[in-house]
Amino acid sequence: MRLSIIAAAVLLAATPVMAQDAAPAAAASPPESDWRTVAPENLLVIDTNRGRILVEMSPLAAPGHVERMRLLARNGFYDGLVWHRVIDWFMAQTGDPLGTGDGQSAYPDLTAELTFRRGADMPFTPAADPMGAPVGFLGSLPIQTQPDALMARTGDGMVHAWGVYCPGVAGMARGEAQDSANSQFFLMRQAYPSLDKRYTAWGRVISGLDVVRAIKTGEEPSGTVATPQDVMTSVRVAADIPAAQRPVARVLDTESPTFGDMIERTRAARGADFSICDLEPPVDVIEPAA
């Protein structure tokens, strides 16, 4: 469903945040124990005419939206759909069978998951504590959250948390109504904090951000025969791809000592300008032999 007129006006009026240089490289190769393999059930493989994009989905942050992405991918719904709205320094949007921004799947609209409840047992790695609202990582997803100290004062022992729209974060498009997301989604080309807590964040690109940024910019109806739009040729859940043919993605565990060292070095290098978007967990992708 098309982004609401009101939301679009606010987003385009906001000042986009340019991604900073990558975090300083680790001094030595991380030990094997510092890597984790992304579960195939949570790895979305998006093949496009520009190349392959791998998204690690985050069911802890947005279980309903992740389940919808799995369902539509398994139905072949996304195969052949165009990237109908692509704005430089912002995002690339797709998932509309009409290619106009007005279409969606036949399934019911989703209840928004703009925030989620974070408990002490969730794998959260803090990176900074601006104004008492820590920022850090839930797996590969950058998030902001209420502090742990509040857990003792809530009925369920949990606090609110939400995805932060750094480069590569995957969000669900919606109309003016909060609970109107359905099948359309977008991948961030750059950081855009105006989206935080306004659109459900359900994952992050862990490989192929260069592909996302290479997708042709423009908005429908610019996709003509003379200037065709870029397309998703195939979208699959990795678990559904035969083991011998599926990509395997290993991500540096954000709870590992190596990543903790990366946080400290990046904060020291960036100083007062530090942002959670300055950090991106390194990824090692093993593609099947041709």
Protein backbone atom coordinates (compact mmCIF):
# COMPACT_ATOMS: atom_id res chain seq x y z
CA MET A 1 0.00 0.00 0.00
CA ARG A 2 1.23 3.47 -0.84
CA LEU A 3 2.97 5.41 1.92
CA SER A 4 0.55 7.98 3.28
CA ILE A 5 0.64 11.47 1.79
CA ILE A 6 1.19 12.94 5.23
CA ALA A 7 4.01 10.55 6.03
CA ALA A 8 5.70 11.08 2.68
CA ALA A 9 5.62 14.85 3.10
CA VAL A 10 7.23 14.63 6.51
CA LEU A 11 9.86 12.16 5.33
CA LEU A 12 10.94 14.17 2.33
CA ALA A 13 11.09 17.35 4.39
CA ALA A 14 13.37 15.75 6.96
CA THR A 15 17.13 15.89 6.59
CA PRO A 16 18.48 12.47 5.62
CA VAL A 17 21.37 11.10 7.62
CA MET A 18 24.30 10.09 5.44
CA ALA A 19 25.87 6.77 6.32
CA GLN A 20 29.30 7.24 7.80
CA ASP A 21 32.41 5.33 6.80
CA ALA A 22 32.40 1.74 7.91
CA ALA A 23 33.50 0.96 11.44
CA PRO A 24 37.25 0.38 11.89
CA ALA A 25 38.26 -3.12 10.89
CA ALA A 26 39.05 -5.61 13.60
CA ALA A 27 42.72 -5.90 14.47
CA ALA A 28 42.68 -9.65 13.82
CA SER A 29 40.32 -12.19 12.30
CA PRO A 30 37.57 -13.02 14.77
CA PRO A 31 37.69 -16.53 16.25
CA GLU A 32 35.13 -19.03 15.00
CA SER A 33 33.26 -18.75 18.31
CA ASP A 34 32.48 -15.08 17.57
CA TRP A 35 30.47 -15.89 14.44
CA ARG A 36 26.87 -17.06 14.25
CA THR A 37 25.11 -18.61 11.27
CA VAL A 38 21.79 -16.99 10.31
CA ALA A 39 18.96 -19.50 10.63
CA PRO A 40 17.73 -20.40 7.10
CA GLU A 41 14.16 -19.77 8.28
CA ASN A 42 15.12 -16.15 8.99
CA LEU A 43 17.15 -15.52 5.83
CA LEU A 44 15.27 -13.91 2.93
CA VAL A 45 17.02 -14.34 -0.42
CA ILE A 46 16.01 -11.58 -2.86
CA ASP A 47 17.39 -12.03 -6.37
CA THR A 48 17.10 -8.99 -8.61
CA ASN A 49 18.28 -7.99 -12.06
CA ARG A 50 20.95 -5.98 -10.21
CA GLY A 51 22.20 -8.81 -8.03
CA ARG A 52 21.39 -10.69 -4.83
CA ILE A 53 20.21 -9.18 -1.54
CA LEU A 54 20.17 -11.15 1.72
CA VAL A 55 17.92 -9.92 4.51
CA GLU A 56 18.07 -11.31 8.03
CA MET A 57 14.51 -11.21 9.30
CA SER A 58 13.90 -10.44 12.99
CA PRO A 59 10.91 -12.37 14.39
CA LEU A 60 11.73 -11.10 17.90
CA ALA A 61 11.09 -7.52 16.76
CA ALA A 62 8.18 -8.08 14.34
CA PRO A 63 6.82 -11.66 14.41
CA GLY A 64 3.66 -10.89 12.44
CA HIS A 65 5.47 -9.10 9.65
CA VAL A 66 8.19 -11.74 9.39
CA GLU A 67 5.53 -14.43 9.11
CA ARG A 68 3.83 -12.44 6.32
CA MET A 69 7.14 -12.09 4.44
CA ARG A 70 7.71 -15.85 4.70
CA LEU A 71 4.15 -16.59 3.54
CA LEU A 72 4.31 -14.32 0.50
CA ALA A 73 7.79 -15.48 -0.47
CA ARG A 74 6.68 -19.11 -0.25
CA ASN A 75 3.68 -18.32 -2.45
CA GLY A 76 5.93 -16.77 -5.11
CA PHE A 77 4.04 -13.51 -4.65
CA TYR A 78 7.11 -11.29 -4.99
CA ASP A 79 8.64 -12.96 -8.03
CA GLY A 80 8.81 -10.53 -10.95
CA LEU A 81 7.57 -7.47 -9.06
CA VAL A 82 9.17 -4.10 -9.80
CA TRP A 83 10.83 -1.64 -7.44
CA HIS A 84 8.15 0.96 -8.01
CA ARG A 85 9.37 3.73 -5.69
CA VAL A 86 13.09 4.31 -5.29
CA ILE A 87 14.40 7.56 -3.82
CA ASP A 88 18.10 8.29 -3.55
CA TRP A 89 19.37 8.98 -0.02
CA PHE A 90 16.20 7.32 1.24
CA MET A 91 14.88 3.86 0.32
CA ALA A 92 13.80 1.36 -2.36
CA GLN A 93 10.20 0.14 -2.20
CA THR A 94 8.55 -2.87 -3.82
CA GLY A 95 5.94 -5.57 -3.14
CA ASP A 96 3.02 -4.16 -5.17
CA PRO A 97 1.59 -6.51 -7.82
CA LEU A 98 0.18 -3.48 -9.66
CA GLY A 99 3.49 -1.64 -9.71
CA THR A 100 1.74 1.63 -8.90
CA GLY A 101 1.96 1.83 -5.11
CA ASP A 102 -1.75 1.03 -4.75
CA GLY A 103 -1.71 -2.78 -4.80
CA GLN A 104 -1.29 -5.46 -2.18
CA SER A 105 -1.79 -9.16 -1.50
CA ALA A 106 -5.16 -10.79 -0.89
CA TYR A 107 -4.32 -11.38 2.76
CA PRO A 108 -5.66 -9.11 5.54
CA ASP A 109 -3.71 -6.03 6.52
CA LEU A 110 -1.26 -6.42 9.37
CA THR A 111 -1.39 -5.03 12.87
CA ALA A 112 1.51 -2.60 13.22
CA GLU A 113 4.53 -3.73 15.23
CA LEU A 114 6.11 -0.31 15.62
CA THR A 115 7.59 -1.32 18.96
CA PHE A 116 8.11 -4.65 20.70
CA ARG A 117 8.56 -5.79 24.27
CA ARG A 118 12.16 -6.55 25.20
CA GLY A 119 12.95 -8.80 28.14
CA ALA A 120 16.22 -9.42 29.94
CA ASP A 121 16.53 -12.77 28.16
CA MET A 122 16.65 -11.20 24.69
CA PRO A 123 20.10 -10.98 23.03
CA PHE A 124 20.50 -7.19 23.24
CA THR A 125 23.96 -5.64 22.92
CA PRO A 126 24.07 -1.97 24.05
CA ALA A 127 26.36 0.41 22.18
CA ALA A 128 25.51 3.81 23.69
CA ASP A 129 23.04 5.38 26.11
CA PRO A 130 21.85 8.71 24.68
CA MET A 131 19.43 10.50 27.01
CA GLY A 132 18.72 7.32 28.97
CA ALA A 133 17.40 5.37 25.96
CA PRO A 134 20.08 2.80 25.06
CA VAL A 135 20.85 1.99 21.44
CA GLY A 136 22.37 -1.29 20.36
CA PHE A 137 21.68 -4.49 18.47
CA LEU A 138 19.15 -7.29 18.53
CA GLY A 139 21.01 -9.70 16.30
CA SER A 140 21.87 -7.64 13.21
CA LEU A 141 18.97 -5.20 13.73
CA PRO A 142 19.88 -1.82 15.27
CA ILE A 143 17.37 -0.88 17.96
CA GLN A 144 16.67 1.69 20.64
CA THR A 145 15.04 0.72 23.90
CA GLN A 146 13.93 1.80 27.31
CA PRO A 147 16.58 0.98 29.94
CA ASP A 148 16.79 -2.34 31.75
CA ALA A 149 16.20 -0.56 35.05
CA LEU A 150 12.53 -0.10 34.09
CA MET A 151 11.95 -3.86 33.78
CA ALA A 152 11.47 -4.19 37.54
CA ARG A 153 8.63 -1.67 37.36
CA THR A 154 6.59 -3.17 34.51
CA GLY A 155 3.93 -5.81 34.84
CA ASP A 156 5.56 -8.20 32.37
CA GLY A 157 9.16 -7.47 33.33
CA MET A 158 9.83 -6.05 29.87
CA VAL A 159 10.37 -2.66 28.28
CA HIS A 160 9.57 -1.09 24.92
CA ALA A 161 12.09 -1.28 22.08
CA TRP A 162 11.97 -0.36 18.40
CA GLY A 163 14.03 -0.68 15.23
CA VAL A 164 16.30 2.17 14.17
CA TYR A 165 16.23 2.98 10.45
CA CYS A 166 19.90 2.67 9.58
CA PRO A 167 21.09 1.76 6.07
CA GLY A 168 19.85 -1.68 5.07
CA VAL A 169 17.00 -1.87 7.59
CA ALA A 170 13.87 -3.45 6.12
CA GLY A 171 10.55 -1.77 6.85
CA MET A 172 6.93 -2.35 5.90
CA ALA A 173 5.13 0.31 3.87
CA ARG A 174 1.62 1.31 4.86
CA GLY A 175 -1.12 3.83 4.16
CA GLU A 176 -2.31 6.58 6.47
CA ALA A 177 -3.89 4.03 8.82
CA GLN A 178 -1.36 2.58 11.23
CA ASP A 179 -2.55 -1.01 10.71
CA SER A 180 -2.58 -0.95 6.90
CA ALA A 181 0.71 -2.69 6.02
CA ASN A 182 0.18 -5.70 3.80
CA SER A 183 2.76 -6.78 1.22
CA GLN A 184 4.77 -3.71 0.23
CA PHE A 185 8.14 -3.26 1.88
CA PHE A 186 11.19 -1.04 1.58
CA LEU A 187 14.93 -1.35 2.12
CA MET A 188 16.84 1.66 3.38
CA ARG A 189 19.52 3.09 1.10
CA GLN A 190 20.63 5.47 3.85
CA ALA A 191 19.77 6.21 7.48
CA TYR A 192 16.44 8.01 8.04
CA PRO A 193 15.50 8.45 11.71
CA SER A 194 12.14 10.06 10.86
CA LEU A 195 10.82 6.52 10.27
CA ASP A 196 11.61 5.20 13.76
CA LYS A 197 8.46 4.02 15.58
CA ARG A 198 6.31 5.01 12.58
CA TYR A 199 6.90 2.02 10.30
CA THR A 200 7.48 -1.58 11.36
CA ALA A 201 11.13 -2.66 11.06
CA TRP A 202 11.27 -6.42 10.41
CA GLY A 203 14.88 -7.10 9.40
CA ARG A 204 18.10 -5.81 7.89
CA VAL A 205 20.08 -6.31 4.71
CA ILE A 206 23.22 -8.19 5.73
CA SER A 207 24.55 -8.63 2.20
CA GLY A 208 23.77 -6.70 -0.96
CA LEU A 209 23.38 -3.13 0.31
CA ASP A 210 25.36 -2.13 -2.79
CA VAL A 211 22.62 -3.80 -4.84
CA VAL A 212 19.91 -1.86 -3.00
CA ARG A 213 21.76 1.37 -3.75
CA ALA A 214 22.16 0.39 -7.41
CA ILE A 215 18.41 -0.04 -8.00
CA LYS A 216 17.23 2.55 -10.49
CA THR A 217 15.70 5.61 -8.83
CA GLY A 218 12.27 6.91 -9.80
CA GLU A 219 8.60 6.52 -8.97
CA GLU A 220 5.83 5.03 -11.06
CA PRO A 221 4.82 5.65 -13.77
CA SER A 222 8.47 6.14 -14.80
CA GLY A 223 8.87 2.46 -15.68
CA THR A 224 8.29 2.53 -19.42
CA VAL A 225 9.51 0.26 -22.19
CA ALA A 226 12.29 2.77 -22.86
CA THR A 227 13.26 3.06 -19.17
CA PRO A 228 12.20 -0.18 -17.49
CA GLN A 229 12.11 -0.47 -13.71
CA ASP A 230 14.34 -2.89 -11.86
CA VAL A 231 12.66 -6.11 -10.68
CA MET A 232 12.86 -8.85 -8.10
CA THR A 233 13.32 -11.98 -10.17
CA SER A 234 12.92 -14.34 -7.21
CA VAL A 235 12.26 -14.03 -3.47
CA ARG A 236 12.70 -17.12 -1.33
CA VAL A 237 13.17 -18.12 2.29
CA ALA A 238 16.58 -19.80 2.47
CA ALA A 239 15.08 -22.75 4.35
CA ASP A 240 13.04 -23.56 1.25
CA ILE A 241 16.09 -23.73 -1.02
CA PRO A 242 17.81 -27.13 -1.23
CA ALA A 243 20.79 -27.16 1.11
CA ALA A 244 23.27 -27.63 -1.72
CA GLN A 245 21.92 -24.54 -3.50
CA ARG A 246 21.23 -22.09 -0.68
CA PRO A 247 23.57 -19.32 0.45
CA VAL A 248 24.89 -19.53 4.00
CA ALA A 249 25.36 -16.26 5.86
CA ARG A 250 27.58 -15.96 8.91
CA VAL A 251 27.33 -12.73 10.89
CA LEU A 252 29.75 -11.52 13.53
CA ASP A 253 27.80 -12.09 16.74
CA THR A 254 26.92 -8.70 18.22
CA GLU A 255 27.27 -10.28 21.67
CA SER A 256 30.83 -11.39 20.95
CA PRO A 257 34.01 -9.84 22.41
CA THR A 258 35.16 -8.94 18.89
CA PHE A 259 32.04 -6.90 18.20
CA GLY A 260 32.26 -5.29 21.65
CA ASP A 261 35.77 -4.15 20.73
CA MET A 262 34.45 -2.81 17.44
CA ILE A 263 31.85 -0.76 19.31
CA GLU A 264 34.49 0.79 21.55
CA ARG A 265 36.85 1.60 18.70
CA THR A 266 34.08 3.10 16.59
CA ARG A 267 32.83 5.24 19.47
CA ALA A 268 36.36 6.49 20.11
CA ALA A 269 36.85 7.32 16.43
CA ARG A 270 33.49 9.08 16.01
CA GLY A 271 33.42 10.85 19.37
CA ALA A 272 30.36 13.04 19.89
CA ASP A 273 29.19 12.25 16.34
CA PHE A 274 28.76 8.54 17.10
CA SER A 275 25.55 6.96 15.81
CA ILE A 276 24.34 3.39 16.03
CA CYS A 277 24.25 3.56 12.21
CA ASP A 278 28.05 3.81 12.21
CA LEU A 279 28.12 0.11 13.12
CA GLU A 280 27.33 -2.78 10.82
CA PRO A 281 28.11 -6.37 11.84
CA PRO A 282 30.58 -7.97 9.40
CA VAL A 283 29.12 -10.79 7.32
CA ASP A 284 30.65 -13.79 5.58
CA VAL A 285 28.45 -15.22 2.81
CA ILE A 286 29.13 -18.64 1.35
CA GLU A 287 27.43 -19.01 -2.01
CA PRO A 288 26.87 -22.50 -3.43
CA ALA A 289 29.23 -23.63 -6.13
CA ALA A 290 27.95 -22.94 -9.62
